[in-house]
Structures are given as C-alpha cells and as structure tokens.
Amino acid sequence: RIFGSAQLPGTFVFQGENMTCIVPILGSIILSIILTIVLNVILRAMNK
C-alpha cells in the first residue's frame, strides 16, 4: 500500500480473484496540483 491510498475519497478499488487494482483519482489530482505549484515557483525563482 502507498500511504493508505485505498482509504482516500475518490479512490476506486477493483478486486479480482488473484489481483487488486487501486486507482487513486483524487490523490493523483491533488499531487498534480501541488507539483505544478512547486515547479512554477522554482521556475519563476530561476528567471529572476
């Protein structure tokens, strides 16, 4: 498990006989927003 990702809202869990697939949609969106903000701050600091 990755940081309890199966317990976050917006997470889809698909279970088969021999496999479990966890798709953390909301977690991915939040991570994308955070990384975008961090990269923008770094790039703006480098251009000054």
N, C-alpha and C. Protein backbone atom coordinates (compact mmCIF):
# COMPACT_ATOMS: atom_id res chain seq x y z
N ARG A 1 0.83 -1.20 0.00
CA ARG A 1 0.00 0.00 0.00
C ARG A 1 0.87 1.24 0.00
N ILE A 2 0.35 2.25 -0.62
CA ILE A 2 1.08 3.51 -0.70
C ILE A 2 0.35 4.54 0.15
N PHE A 3 0.84 4.78 1.37
CA PHE A 3 0.30 5.79 2.27
C PHE A 3 -1.20 5.66 2.50
N GLY A 4 -1.74 4.46 2.55
CA GLY A 4 -3.16 4.26 2.79
C GLY A 4 -4.04 4.80 1.69
N SER A 5 -3.57 4.73 0.45
CA SER A 5 -4.29 5.34 -0.67
C SER A 5 -5.66 4.72 -0.90
N ALA A 6 -5.89 3.52 -0.43
CA ALA A 6 -7.19 2.88 -0.64
C ALA A 6 -8.26 3.49 0.25
N GLN A 7 -7.87 4.29 1.23
CA GLN A 7 -8.82 4.86 2.17
C GLN A 7 -9.20 6.30 1.83
N LEU A 8 -8.60 6.89 0.82
CA LEU A 8 -8.92 8.26 0.44
C LEU A 8 -10.22 8.31 -0.34
N PRO A 9 -10.97 9.41 -0.22
CA PRO A 9 -12.15 9.54 -1.08
C PRO A 9 -11.72 9.70 -2.54
N GLY A 10 -12.53 9.24 -3.45
CA GLY A 10 -12.19 9.32 -4.87
C GLY A 10 -11.27 8.22 -5.33
N THR A 11 -11.14 7.16 -4.53
CA THR A 11 -10.29 6.04 -4.88
C THR A 11 -11.15 4.87 -5.32
N PHE A 12 -10.82 4.32 -6.48
CA PHE A 12 -11.54 3.15 -6.97
C PHE A 12 -10.69 1.91 -6.73
N VAL A 13 -11.31 0.88 -6.17
CA VAL A 13 -10.62 -0.38 -5.90
C VAL A 13 -11.31 -1.47 -6.70
N PHE A 14 -10.53 -2.13 -7.55
CA PHE A 14 -11.04 -3.25 -8.34
C PHE A 14 -10.37 -4.52 -7.84
N GLN A 15 -11.17 -5.49 -7.41
CA GLN A 15 -10.61 -6.73 -6.89
C GLN A 15 -11.04 -7.90 -7.75
N GLY A 16 -10.06 -8.69 -8.14
CA GLY A 16 -10.31 -9.93 -8.85
C GLY A 16 -9.94 -11.10 -7.96
N GLU A 17 -9.87 -12.27 -8.53
CA GLU A 17 -9.52 -13.45 -7.74
C GLU A 17 -8.08 -13.39 -7.26
N ASN A 18 -7.17 -12.99 -8.14
CA ASN A 18 -5.74 -13.00 -7.80
C ASN A 18 -5.10 -11.62 -7.85
N MET A 19 -5.91 -10.57 -7.97
CA MET A 19 -5.34 -9.25 -8.19
C MET A 19 -6.23 -8.17 -7.57
N THR A 20 -5.59 -7.13 -7.06
CA THR A 20 -6.30 -5.94 -6.59
C THR A 20 -5.67 -4.73 -7.27
N CYS A 21 -6.50 -3.89 -7.87
CA CYS A 21 -6.02 -2.68 -8.56
C CYS A 21 -6.64 -1.47 -7.86
N ILE A 22 -5.78 -0.56 -7.38
CA ILE A 22 -6.23 0.64 -6.68
C ILE A 22 -5.92 1.84 -7.57
N VAL A 23 -6.94 2.65 -7.88
CA VAL A 23 -6.78 3.83 -8.73
C VAL A 23 -7.16 5.06 -7.92
N PRO A 24 -6.16 5.79 -7.37
CA PRO A 24 -6.44 6.97 -6.55
C PRO A 24 -6.60 8.23 -7.40
N ILE A 25 -7.80 8.45 -7.92
CA ILE A 25 -8.03 9.58 -8.83
C ILE A 25 -7.87 10.92 -8.10
N LEU A 26 -8.53 11.10 -6.97
CA LEU A 26 -8.44 12.36 -6.24
C LEU A 26 -7.01 12.61 -5.76
N GLY A 27 -6.34 11.58 -5.28
CA GLY A 27 -4.95 11.72 -4.85
C GLY A 27 -4.04 12.15 -5.99
N SER A 28 -4.28 11.63 -7.18
CA SER A 28 -3.48 11.99 -8.35
C SER A 28 -3.70 13.45 -8.73
N ILE A 29 -4.94 13.91 -8.65
CA ILE A 29 -5.24 15.31 -8.97
C ILE A 29 -4.58 16.24 -7.97
N ILE A 30 -4.66 15.92 -6.70
CA ILE A 30 -4.03 16.75 -5.66
C ILE A 30 -2.52 16.78 -5.84
N LEU A 31 -1.90 15.62 -6.10
CA LEU A 31 -0.46 15.56 -6.32
C LEU A 31 -0.06 16.38 -7.55
N SER A 32 -0.84 16.34 -8.59
CA SER A 32 -0.56 17.11 -9.81
C SER A 32 -0.61 18.61 -9.53
N ILE A 33 -1.60 19.05 -8.78
CA ILE A 33 -1.72 20.48 -8.44
C ILE A 33 -0.53 20.93 -7.61
N ILE A 34 -0.15 20.14 -6.62
CA ILE A 34 0.98 20.50 -5.75
C ILE A 34 2.27 20.58 -6.55
N LEU A 35 2.52 19.58 -7.41
CA LEU A 35 3.74 19.59 -8.22
C LEU A 35 3.76 20.76 -9.20
N THR A 36 2.61 21.12 -9.76
CA THR A 36 2.54 22.25 -10.67
C THR A 36 2.90 23.55 -9.96
N ILE A 37 2.38 23.74 -8.76
CA ILE A 37 2.68 24.95 -7.99
C ILE A 37 4.16 25.00 -7.63
N VAL A 38 4.72 23.88 -7.17
CA VAL A 38 6.13 23.85 -6.78
C VAL A 38 7.03 24.13 -7.98
N LEU A 39 6.75 23.50 -9.11
CA LEU A 39 7.58 23.74 -10.30
C LEU A 39 7.46 25.17 -10.80
N ASN A 40 6.28 25.76 -10.73
CA ASN A 40 6.12 27.16 -11.13
C ASN A 40 6.91 28.10 -10.24
N VAL A 41 6.91 27.84 -8.94
CA VAL A 41 7.67 28.67 -8.01
C VAL A 41 9.17 28.55 -8.30
N ILE A 42 9.64 27.33 -8.54
CA ILE A 42 11.06 27.12 -8.83
C ILE A 42 11.46 27.81 -10.14
N LEU A 43 10.65 27.66 -11.17
CA LEU A 43 10.98 28.27 -12.46
C LEU A 43 10.94 29.79 -12.40
N ARG A 44 10.00 30.35 -11.66
CA ARG A 44 9.95 31.82 -11.52
C ARG A 44 11.16 32.32 -10.73
N ALA A 45 11.61 31.57 -9.73
CA ALA A 45 12.77 31.97 -8.95
C ALA A 45 14.04 31.92 -9.80
N MET A 46 14.11 30.98 -10.73
CA MET A 46 15.29 30.86 -11.59
C MET A 46 15.34 31.96 -12.64
N ASN A 47 14.20 32.49 -13.04
CA ASN A 47 14.15 33.53 -14.08
C ASN A 47 14.45 34.92 -13.55
N LYS A 48 14.44 35.11 -12.25
CA LYS A 48 14.69 36.45 -11.68
C LYS A 48 16.15 36.74 -11.56
